[in-house]
Amino acid sequence: MLTSKEVMQLEDFLGMEQNSVQCLNHFASTIQCKQTKQLFQQMAQKNQQHFQTLSKHLSMSQTLQ
């Protein structure tokens, strides 16, 4: 069971991951170099996975409370 402080931290991390995904996708859409574009896309996908993982932990925590 998570404390209220831990829940708030998870929510903050969710916001940061979401912002990262948006920024990385934006950069990928503006870059001409295919290799660099692909790198930004891969980074965005990884951050999206982090977002989903954190989201699951947060929803599980709220279900238990």
PDB file of N, CA and C in Angstrom:
ATOM      1  N   MET A   1       0.845  -1.175   0.000  1.00  0.00           N
ATOM      2  CA  MET A   1       0.000   0.000   0.000  1.00  0.00           C
ATOM      3  C   MET A   1       0.894   1.242   0.000  1.00  0.00           C
ATOM      4  N   LEU A   2       0.566   2.187  -0.831  1.00  0.00           N
ATOM      5  CA  LEU A   2       1.369   3.394  -0.971  1.00  0.00           C
ATOM      6  C   LEU A   2       0.858   4.492  -0.054  1.00  0.00           C
ATOM      7  N   THR A   3       1.778   5.286   0.435  1.00  0.00           N
ATOM      8  CA  THR A   3       1.390   6.445   1.227  1.00  0.00           C
ATOM      9  C   THR A   3       0.893   7.542   0.287  1.00  0.00           C
ATOM     10  N   SER A   4       0.259   8.551   0.850  1.00  0.00           N
ATOM     11  CA  SER A   4      -0.235   9.647   0.017  1.00  0.00           C
ATOM     12  C   SER A   4       0.931  10.381  -0.651  1.00  0.00           C
ATOM     13  N   LYS A   5       2.063  10.456   0.036  1.00  0.00           N
ATOM     14  CA  LYS A   5       3.248  11.098  -0.547  1.00  0.00           C
ATOM     15  C   LYS A   5       3.751  10.304  -1.746  1.00  0.00           C
ATOM     16  N   GLU A   6       3.768   8.984  -1.638  1.00  0.00           N
ATOM     17  CA  GLU A   6       4.210   8.139  -2.744  1.00  0.00           C
ATOM     18  C   GLU A   6       3.260   8.240  -3.931  1.00  0.00           C
ATOM     19  N   VAL A   7       1.973   8.345  -3.662  1.00  0.00           N
ATOM     20  CA  VAL A   7       0.983   8.506  -4.736  1.00  0.00           C
ATOM     21  C   VAL A   7       1.233   9.830  -5.455  1.00  0.00           C
ATOM     22  N   MET A   8       1.476  10.893  -4.692  1.00  0.00           N
ATOM     23  CA  MET A   8       1.755  12.193  -5.294  1.00  0.00           C
ATOM     24  C   MET A   8       3.020  12.146  -6.147  1.00  0.00           C
ATOM     25  N   GLN A   9       4.039  11.434  -5.675  1.00  0.00           N
ATOM     26  CA  GLN A   9       5.272  11.297  -6.446  1.00  0.00           C
ATOM     27  C   GLN A   9       5.021  10.534  -7.742  1.00  0.00           C
ATOM     28  N   LEU A  10       4.248   9.472  -7.671  1.00  0.00           N
ATOM     29  CA  LEU A  10       3.909   8.717  -8.883  1.00  0.00           C
ATOM     30  C   LEU A  10       3.159   9.597  -9.878  1.00  0.00           C
ATOM     31  N   GLU A  11       2.245  10.411  -9.381  1.00  0.00           N
ATOM     32  CA  GLU A  11       1.510  11.322 -10.261  1.00  0.00           C
ATOM     33  C   GLU A  11       2.453  12.329 -10.910  1.00  0.00           C
ATOM     34  N   ASP A  12       3.429  12.827 -10.142  1.00  0.00           N
ATOM     35  CA  ASP A  12       4.428  13.740 -10.702  1.00  0.00           C
ATOM     36  C   ASP A  12       5.254  13.050 -11.784  1.00  0.00           C
ATOM     37  N   PHE A  13       5.673  11.820 -11.518  1.00  0.00           N
ATOM     38  CA  PHE A  13       6.459  11.066 -12.498  1.00  0.00           C
ATOM     39  C   PHE A  13       5.644  10.800 -13.760  1.00  0.00           C
ATOM     40  N   LEU A  14       4.350  10.531 -13.595  1.00  0.00           N
ATOM     41  CA  LEU A  14       3.481  10.329 -14.748  1.00  0.00           C
ATOM     42  C   LEU A  14       3.469  11.572 -15.631  1.00  0.00           C
ATOM     43  N   GLY A  15       3.350  12.718 -15.008  1.00  0.00           N
ATOM     44  CA  GLY A  15       3.359  13.970 -15.763  1.00  0.00           C
ATOM     45  C   GLY A  15       4.670  14.190 -16.488  1.00  0.00           C
ATOM     46  N   MET A  16       5.770  13.874 -15.815  1.00  0.00           N
ATOM     47  CA  MET A  16       7.089  14.040 -16.442  1.00  0.00           C
ATOM     48  C   MET A  16       7.260  13.092 -17.628  1.00  0.00           C
ATOM     49  N   GLU A  17       6.823  11.863 -17.466  1.00  0.00           N
ATOM     50  CA  GLU A  17       6.926  10.899 -18.566  1.00  0.00           C
ATOM     51  C   GLU A  17       6.062  11.336 -19.746  1.00  0.00           C
ATOM     52  N   GLN A  18       4.866  11.826 -19.447  1.00  0.00           N
ATOM     53  CA  GLN A  18       3.974  12.281 -20.506  1.00  0.00           C
ATOM     54  C   GLN A  18       4.593  13.462 -21.259  1.00  0.00           C
ATOM     55  N   ASN A  19       5.179  14.399 -20.529  1.00  0.00           N
ATOM     56  CA  ASN A  19       5.846  15.536 -21.168  1.00  0.00           C
ATOM     57  C   ASN A  19       7.028  15.075 -22.015  1.00  0.00           C
ATOM     58  N   SER A  20       7.769  14.111 -21.515  1.00  0.00           N
ATOM     59  CA  SER A  20       8.917  13.591 -22.255  1.00  0.00           C
ATOM     60  C   SER A  20       8.482  12.962 -23.571  1.00  0.00           C
ATOM     61  N   VAL A  21       7.412  12.168 -23.517  1.00  0.00           N
ATOM     62  CA  VAL A  21       6.903  11.521 -24.731  1.00  0.00           C
ATOM     63  C   VAL A  21       6.505  12.571 -25.761  1.00  0.00           C
ATOM     64  N   GLN A  22       5.800  13.591 -25.316  1.00  0.00           N
ATOM     65  CA  GLN A  22       5.364  14.647 -26.229  1.00  0.00           C
ATOM     66  C   GLN A  22       6.559  15.375 -26.849  1.00  0.00           C
ATOM     67  N   CYS A  23       7.540  15.725 -26.025  1.00  0.00           N
ATOM     68  CA  CYS A  23       8.725  16.433 -26.530  1.00  0.00           C
ATOM     69  C   CYS A  23       9.514  15.572 -27.511  1.00  0.00           C
ATOM     70  N   LEU A  24       9.732  14.320 -27.154  1.00  0.00           N
ATOM     71  CA  LEU A  24      10.508  13.433 -28.017  1.00  0.00           C
ATOM     72  C   LEU A  24       9.804  13.202 -29.347  1.00  0.00           C
ATOM     73  N   ASN A  25       8.484  13.039 -29.305  1.00  0.00           N
ATOM     74  CA  ASN A  25       7.727  12.878 -30.560  1.00  0.00           C
ATOM     75  C   ASN A  25       7.786  14.153 -31.398  1.00  0.00           C
ATOM     76  N   HIS A  26       7.731  15.295 -30.750  1.00  0.00           N
ATOM     77  CA  HIS A  26       7.841  16.557 -31.478  1.00  0.00           C
ATOM     78  C   HIS A  26       9.206  16.652 -32.162  1.00  0.00           C
ATOM     79  N   PHE A  27      10.268  16.362 -31.411  1.00  0.00           N
ATOM     80  CA  PHE A  27      11.607  16.419 -31.994  1.00  0.00           C
ATOM     81  C   PHE A  27      11.737  15.448 -33.159  1.00  0.00           C
ATOM     82  N   ALA A  28      11.191  14.244 -32.981  1.00  0.00           N
ATOM     83  CA  ALA A  28      11.266  13.239 -34.053  1.00  0.00           C
ATOM     84  C   ALA A  28      10.554  13.719 -35.310  1.00  0.00           C
ATOM     85  N   SER A  29       9.497  14.471 -35.131  1.00  0.00           N
ATOM     86  CA  SER A  29       8.738  14.935 -36.299  1.00  0.00           C
ATOM     87  C   SER A  29       9.428  16.082 -37.026  1.00  0.00           C
ATOM     88  N   THR A  30      10.364  16.745 -36.368  1.00  0.00           N
ATOM     89  CA  THR A  30      11.018  17.901 -36.992  1.00  0.00           C
ATOM     90  C   THR A  30      12.413  17.592 -37.527  1.00  0.00           C
ATOM     91  N   ILE A  31      12.938  16.426 -37.202  1.00  0.00           N
ATOM     92  CA  ILE A  31      14.313  16.083 -37.583  1.00  0.00           C
ATOM     93  C   ILE A  31      14.326  15.413 -38.954  1.00  0.00           C
ATOM     94  N   GLN A  32      15.286  15.792 -39.774  1.00  0.00           N
ATOM     95  CA  GLN A  32      15.405  15.231 -41.124  1.00  0.00           C
ATOM     96  C   GLN A  32      16.224  13.939 -41.163  1.00  0.00           C
ATOM     97  N   CYS A  33      17.238  13.859 -40.318  1.00  0.00           N
ATOM     98  CA  CYS A  33      18.118  12.688 -40.292  1.00  0.00           C
ATOM     99  C   CYS A  33      17.333  11.455 -39.834  1.00  0.00           C
ATOM    100  N   LYS A  34      17.293  10.418 -40.675  1.00  0.00           N
ATOM    101  CA  LYS A  34      16.507   9.221 -40.369  1.00  0.00           C
ATOM    102  C   LYS A  34      16.981   8.511 -39.105  1.00  0.00           C
ATOM    103  N   GLN A  35      18.300   8.423 -38.928  1.00  0.00           N
ATOM    104  CA  GLN A  35      18.830   7.741 -37.741  1.00  0.00           C
ATOM    105  C   GLN A  35      18.466   8.479 -36.466  1.00  0.00           C
ATOM    106  N   THR A  36      18.594   9.788 -36.488  1.00  0.00           N
ATOM    107  CA  THR A  36      18.272  10.586 -35.314  1.00  0.00           C
ATOM    108  C   THR A  36      16.772  10.560 -35.047  1.00  0.00           C
ATOM    109  N   LYS A  37      15.979  10.625 -36.100  1.00  0.00           N
ATOM    110  CA  LYS A  37      14.526  10.539 -35.972  1.00  0.00           C
ATOM    111  C   LYS A  37      14.140   9.218 -35.313  1.00  0.00           C
ATOM    112  N   GLN A  38      14.769   8.138 -35.764  1.00  0.00           N
ATOM    113  CA  GLN A  38      14.475   6.822 -35.212  1.00  0.00           C
ATOM    114  C   GLN A  38      14.865   6.753 -33.731  1.00  0.00           C
ATOM    115  N   LEU A  39      15.975   7.354 -33.381  1.00  0.00           N
ATOM    116  CA  LEU A  39      16.420   7.371 -31.987  1.00  0.00           C
ATOM    117  C   LEU A  39      15.393   8.080 -31.101  1.00  0.00           C
ATOM    118  N   PHE A  40      14.922   9.237 -31.543  1.00  0.00           N
ATOM    119  CA  PHE A  40      13.912   9.969 -30.778  1.00  0.00           C
ATOM    120  C   PHE A  40      12.612   9.170 -30.672  1.00  0.00           C
ATOM    121  N   GLN A  41      12.239   8.488 -31.746  1.00  0.00           N
ATOM    122  CA  GLN A  41      11.027   7.666 -31.710  1.00  0.00           C
ATOM    123  C   GLN A  41      11.176   6.512 -30.719  1.00  0.00           C
ATOM    124  N   GLN A  42      12.345   5.891 -30.698  1.00  0.00           N
ATOM    125  CA  GLN A  42      12.592   4.799 -29.758  1.00  0.00           C
ATOM    126  C   GLN A  42      12.560   5.300 -28.318  1.00  0.00           C
ATOM    127  N   MET A  43      13.136   6.470 -28.105  1.00  0.00           N
ATOM    128  CA  MET A  43      13.132   7.053 -26.762  1.00  0.00           C
ATOM    129  C   MET A  43      11.701   7.380 -26.331  1.00  0.00           C
ATOM    130  N   ALA A  44      10.894   7.885 -27.236  1.00  0.00           N
ATOM    131  CA  ALA A  44       9.494   8.200 -26.932  1.00  0.00           C
ATOM    132  C   ALA A  44       8.729   6.924 -26.580  1.00  0.00           C
ATOM    133  N   GLN A  45       8.986   5.846 -27.315  1.00  0.00           N
ATOM    134  CA  GLN A  45       8.316   4.574 -27.032  1.00  0.00           C
ATOM    135  C   GLN A  45       8.696   4.054 -25.648  1.00  0.00           C
ATOM    136  N   LYS A  46       9.975   4.183 -25.297  1.00  0.00           N
ATOM    137  CA  LYS A  46      10.443   3.715 -23.995  1.00  0.00           C
ATOM    138  C   LYS A  46       9.792   4.535 -22.878  1.00  0.00           C
ATOM    139  N   ASN A  47       9.702   5.838 -23.073  1.00  0.00           N
ATOM    140  CA  ASN A  47       9.062   6.675 -22.067  1.00  0.00           C
ATOM    141  C   ASN A  47       7.566   6.365 -21.972  1.00  0.00           C
ATOM    142  N   GLN A  48       6.941   6.017 -23.092  1.00  0.00           N
ATOM    143  CA  GLN A  48       5.535   5.625 -23.066  1.00  0.00           C
ATOM    144  C   GLN A  48       5.355   4.348 -22.256  1.00  0.00           C
ATOM    145  N   GLN A  49       6.301   3.425 -22.375  1.00  0.00           N
ATOM    146  CA  GLN A  49       6.257   2.200 -21.578  1.00  0.00           C
ATOM    147  C   GLN A  49       6.400   2.533 -20.093  1.00  0.00           C
ATOM    148  N   HIS A  50       7.289   3.463 -19.761  1.00  0.00           N
ATOM    149  CA  HIS A  50       7.456   3.892 -18.372  1.00  0.00           C
ATOM    150  C   HIS A  50       6.146   4.490 -17.854  1.00  0.00           C
ATOM    151  N   PHE A  51       5.518   5.327 -18.697  1.00  0.00           N
ATOM    152  CA  PHE A  51       4.245   5.944 -18.324  1.00  0.00           C
ATOM    153  C   PHE A  51       3.206   4.866 -18.009  1.00  0.00           C
ATOM    154  N   GLN A  52       3.109   3.873 -18.861  1.00  0.00           N
ATOM    155  CA  GLN A  52       2.116   2.810 -18.667  1.00  0.00           C
ATOM    156  C   GLN A  52       2.399   2.022 -17.390  1.00  0.00           C
ATOM    157  N   THR A  53       3.668   1.755 -17.121  1.00  0.00           N
ATOM    158  CA  THR A  53       4.033   1.024 -15.909  1.00  0.00           C
ATOM    159  C   THR A  53       3.673   1.824 -14.665  1.00  0.00           C
ATOM    160  N   LEU A  54       4.030   3.103 -14.653  1.00  0.00           N
ATOM    161  CA  LEU A  54       3.697   3.952 -13.512  1.00  0.00           C
ATOM    162  C   LEU A  54       2.188   4.071 -13.345  1.00  0.00           C
ATOM    163  N   SER A  55       1.492   4.176 -14.450  1.00  0.00           N
ATOM    164  CA  SER A  55       0.036   4.290 -14.412  1.00  0.00           C
ATOM    165  C   SER A  55      -0.596   3.039 -13.796  1.00  0.00           C
ATOM    166  N   LYS A  56      -0.080   1.876 -14.141  1.00  0.00           N
ATOM    167  CA  LYS A  56      -0.581   0.629 -13.560  1.00  0.00           C
ATOM    168  C   LYS A  56      -0.363   0.614 -12.058  1.00  0.00           C
ATOM    169  N   HIS A  57       0.826   1.011 -11.621  1.00  0.00           N
ATOM    170  CA  HIS A  57       1.129   1.024 -10.177  1.00  0.00           C
ATOM    171  C   HIS A  57       0.207   1.990  -9.450  1.00  0.00           C
ATOM    172  N   LEU A  58      -0.039   3.122 -10.042  1.00  0.00           N
ATOM    173  CA  LEU A  58      -0.903   4.117  -9.418  1.00  0.00           C
ATOM    174  C   LEU A  58      -2.337   3.611  -9.346  1.00  0.00           C
ATOM    175  N   SER A  59      -2.837   3.021 -10.416  1.00  0.00           N
ATOM    176  CA  SER A  59      -4.220   2.536 -10.402  1.00  0.00           C
ATOM    177  C   SER A  59      -4.380   1.361  -9.433  1.00  0.00           C
ATOM    178  N   MET A  60      -3.359   0.499  -9.339  1.00  0.00           N
ATOM    179  CA  MET A  60      -3.402  -0.604  -8.383  1.00  0.00           C
ATOM    180  C   MET A  60      -3.421  -0.064  -6.965  1.00  0.00           C
ATOM    181  N   SER A  61      -2.650   0.953  -6.719  1.00  0.00           N
ATOM    182  CA  SER A  61      -2.583   1.550  -5.388  1.00  0.00           C
ATOM    183  C   SER A  61      -3.924   2.162  -5.018  1.00  0.00           C
ATOM    184  N   GLN A  62      -4.565   2.834  -5.944  1.00  0.00           N
ATOM    185  CA  GLN A  62      -5.843   3.483  -5.653  1.00  0.00           C
ATOM    186  C   GLN A  62      -6.957   2.466  -5.500  1.00  0.00           C
ATOM    187  N   THR A  63      -6.829   1.314  -6.150  1.00  0.00           N
ATOM    188  CA  THR A  63      -7.822   0.250  -6.017  1.00  0.00           C
ATOM    189  C   THR A  63      -7.757  -0.353  -4.627  1.00  0.00           C
ATOM    190  N   LEU A  64      -6.561  -0.463  -4.074  1.00  0.00           N
ATOM    191  CA  LEU A  64      -6.377  -1.073  -2.766  1.00  0.00           C
ATOM    192  C   LEU A  64      -6.836  -0.165  -1.622  1.00  0.00           C
ATOM    193  N   GLN A  65      -6.891   1.128  -1.879  1.00  0.00           N
ATOM    194  CA  GLN A  65      -7.232   2.044  -0.789  1.00  0.00           C
ATOM    195  C   GLN A  65      -8.696   2.167  -0.591  1.00  0.00           C
TER     196      GLN A  65
END
